[in-house]
Protein backbone atom coordinates (compact mmCIF):
# COMPACT_ATOMS: atom_id res chain seq x y z
CA UNK A 1 -7.93 14.48 9.05
CA UNK A 2 -10.60 11.84 8.48
CA UNK A 3 -11.46 8.63 10.36
CA UNK A 4 -9.01 6.47 8.40
CA UNK A 5 -6.12 8.86 8.99
CA UNK A 6 -6.91 8.88 12.71
CA UNK A 7 -7.18 5.07 12.80
CA UNK A 8 -3.83 4.62 11.06
CA UNK A 9 -2.04 7.16 13.24
CA UNK A 10 -3.48 5.59 16.38
CA UNK A 11 -2.01 2.27 15.17
CA UNK A 12 1.44 3.92 14.91
CA UNK A 13 1.58 4.20 11.12
CA UNK A 14 3.25 7.16 9.41
CA UNK A 15 1.87 9.26 6.56
CA UNK A 16 4.49 8.79 3.83
CA UNK A 17 3.80 12.19 2.26
CA UNK A 18 4.78 13.87 5.53
CA UNK A 19 8.24 12.32 5.09
CA UNK A 20 8.47 13.16 1.38
CA UNK A 21 5.91 15.44 -0.22
CA UNK A 22 7.17 14.61 -3.73
CA UNK A 23 5.59 11.14 -3.52
CA UNK A 24 2.36 10.98 -5.52
CA UNK A 25 -0.79 9.36 -4.12
CA UNK A 26 -2.82 7.56 -6.76
CA UNK A 27 -4.78 5.20 -4.53
CA UNK A 28 -6.41 2.85 -7.01
CA UNK A 29 -9.17 1.67 -4.68
CA UNK A 30 -10.38 5.27 -4.40
CA UNK A 31 -11.32 4.94 -8.10
CA UNK A 32 -12.74 2.25 -10.39
CA UNK A 33 -9.30 1.83 -12.02
CA UNK A 34 -8.39 -1.33 -10.08
CA UNK A 35 -8.68 -5.09 -10.52
CA UNK A 36 -12.18 -5.32 -9.00
CA UNK A 37 -13.45 -2.38 -11.08
CA UNK A 38 -15.17 -0.75 -8.10
CA UNK A 39 -14.46 2.25 -5.91
CA UNK A 40 -13.80 0.81 -2.46
CA UNK A 41 -12.48 3.79 -0.49
CA UNK A 42 -15.41 6.03 0.47
CA UNK A 43 -13.08 8.95 1.17
CA UNK A 44 -9.53 10.07 0.50
CA UNK A 45 -6.86 9.53 3.12
CA UNK A 46 -3.09 9.60 3.40
CA UNK A 47 -0.49 7.03 2.38
CA UNK A 48 0.14 5.30 5.69
CA UNK A 49 2.86 2.71 6.32
CA UNK A 50 4.61 0.99 9.20
CA UNK A 51 7.48 3.33 10.21
CA UNK A 52 10.37 1.15 8.95
CA UNK A 53 8.75 0.78 5.53
CA UNK A 54 7.72 4.45 5.39
CA UNK A 55 11.29 5.62 6.02
CA UNK A 56 12.67 3.08 3.53
CA UNK A 57 10.32 4.28 0.77
CA UNK A 58 11.03 7.95 1.57
CA UNK A 59 14.78 7.29 1.41
CA UNK A 60 14.39 5.40 -1.87
CA UNK A 61 12.43 8.35 -3.23
CA UNK A 62 15.19 10.80 -2.29
CA UNK A 63 17.88 8.58 -3.85
CA UNK A 64 15.80 8.15 -7.00
CA UNK A 65 15.41 11.92 -7.40
CA UNK A 66 19.17 12.39 -6.88
CA UNK A 67 19.91 9.94 -9.69
CA UNK A 68 16.96 10.83 -11.94
CA UNK A 69 15.68 14.29 -10.93
CA UNK A 70 12.56 14.16 -13.14
CA UNK A 71 11.17 10.98 -11.60
CA UNK A 72 8.89 10.42 -8.64
CA UNK A 73 7.43 7.49 -6.76
CA UNK A 74 3.70 6.94 -7.24
CA UNK A 75 1.83 4.94 -4.59
CA UNK A 76 -1.18 2.90 -5.71
CA UNK A 77 -1.98 1.26 -2.36
CA UNK A 78 -0.56 1.26 1.16
CA UNK A 79 -2.32 0.70 4.50
CA UNK A 80 -5.85 -0.49 3.83
CA UNK A 81 -8.70 -0.37 6.36
CA UNK A 82 -10.05 -3.79 7.33
CA UNK A 83 -13.55 -2.67 6.34
CA UNK A 84 -12.28 -2.14 2.78
CA UNK A 85 -10.51 -5.50 2.86
CA UNK A 86 -13.85 -7.09 3.75
CA UNK A 87 -15.59 -5.37 0.83
CA UNK A 88 -12.83 -6.43 -1.55
CA UNK A 89 -12.95 -10.03 -0.35
CA UNK A 90 -16.74 -10.21 -0.72
CA UNK A 91 -16.45 -8.99 -4.33
CA UNK A 92 -13.94 -11.68 -5.33
CA UNK A 93 -15.17 -14.51 -3.09
CA UNK A 94 -15.81 -17.63 -5.16
CA UNK A 95 -14.02 -16.25 -8.24
CA UNK A 96 -10.56 -16.84 -9.73
CA UNK A 97 -9.48 -13.54 -8.17
CA UNK A 98 -10.13 -14.74 -4.61
CA UNK A 99 -6.60 -16.17 -4.38
CA UNK A 100 -5.16 -12.65 -4.75
CA UNK A 101 -7.09 -11.12 -1.84
CA UNK A 102 -6.24 -11.78 1.81
CA UNK A 103 -9.12 -13.20 3.81
CA UNK A 104 -10.17 -10.57 6.37
CA UNK A 105 -12.03 -13.21 8.37
CA UNK A 106 -9.07 -15.59 8.70
CA UNK A 107 -6.69 -15.96 11.63
CA UNK A 108 -4.48 -13.08 10.43
CA UNK A 109 -7.44 -10.70 9.96
CA UNK A 110 -6.44 -9.57 6.49
CA UNK A 111 -3.11 -9.16 4.78
CA UNK A 112 0.02 -7.05 4.85
CA UNK A 113 -1.78 -3.96 3.57
CA UNK A 114 -4.09 -4.03 6.59
CA UNK A 115 -1.07 -3.56 8.85
CA UNK A 116 0.74 -0.94 6.74
CA UNK A 117 3.41 -3.49 5.87
CA UNK A 118 2.92 -3.43 2.09
CA UNK A 119 2.98 -0.75 -0.54
CA UNK A 120 2.12 -0.96 -4.25
CA UNK A 121 4.03 1.67 -6.16
CA UNK A 122 5.68 2.64 -9.40
CA UNK A 123 8.09 5.21 -10.74
CA UNK A 124 6.70 8.09 -12.75
CA UNK A 125 9.01 9.33 -15.46
CA UNK A 126 9.48 12.80 -16.88
CA UNK A 127 6.71 12.14 -19.41
CA UNK A 128 4.20 11.36 -16.63
CA UNK A 129 3.95 7.63 -17.34
CA UNK A 130 4.74 4.85 -14.91
CA UNK A 131 7.35 2.30 -15.86
CA UNK A 132 6.53 -0.76 -13.77
CA UNK A 133 4.33 -1.77 -10.87
CA UNK A 134 6.31 -2.81 -7.81
CA UNK A 135 4.88 -4.44 -4.72
CA UNK A 136 7.03 -4.11 -1.63
CA UNK A 137 6.27 -6.08 1.49
CA UNK A 138 8.20 -5.76 4.68
CA UNK A 139 7.76 -8.45 7.23
CA UNK A 140 8.40 -7.15 10.71
CA UNK A 141 6.54 -9.31 13.17
CA UNK A 142 7.34 -13.03 13.44
CA UNK A 143 4.25 -13.36 15.66
CA UNK A 144 1.96 -13.22 12.63
CA UNK A 145 3.28 -16.50 11.22
CA UNK A 146 6.68 -18.23 11.08
CA UNK A 147 6.68 -17.91 7.26
CA UNK A 148 6.78 -14.12 7.65
CA UNK A 149 10.35 -13.83 8.86
CA UNK A 150 12.21 -11.66 6.34
CA UNK A 151 11.57 -8.84 3.86
CA UNK A 152 10.89 -9.83 0.26
CA UNK A 153 10.18 -7.91 -2.87
CA UNK A 154 8.00 -8.80 -5.82
CA UNK A 155 7.68 -7.03 -9.15
CA UNK A 156 4.83 -7.59 -11.54
């Protein structure tokens, strides 16, 4: 267990792969295959999520495999350390991409990923390709902002 895993567990997040080991981790910011084109995670760590979201994704994975046995959920991003959020923001600051990255220095100290309340994922088919990218956000704490009062889902 590395420092990120310990930090996430201390915050009460759950490692999704401990709930469902069939879920694939393909954390894009651990590679250069992401929208900033840079490796941002200095080390590998687990797929951590807020418990309600973790159980929902694990249940969705089980249901998916019941309906389509040769498919699996692939996770591209989940809980993200604030230090990584800061690096990401500095890379895009002042560019067109800045609007897509939560400001780690603002009043919310980052975005949903920094609290384990968002997961970017897809469904891998039998042929090993992913069909669509899905971003799932679950809004659990009204204290963050009144606009964050109910779950919503966005597909790209």
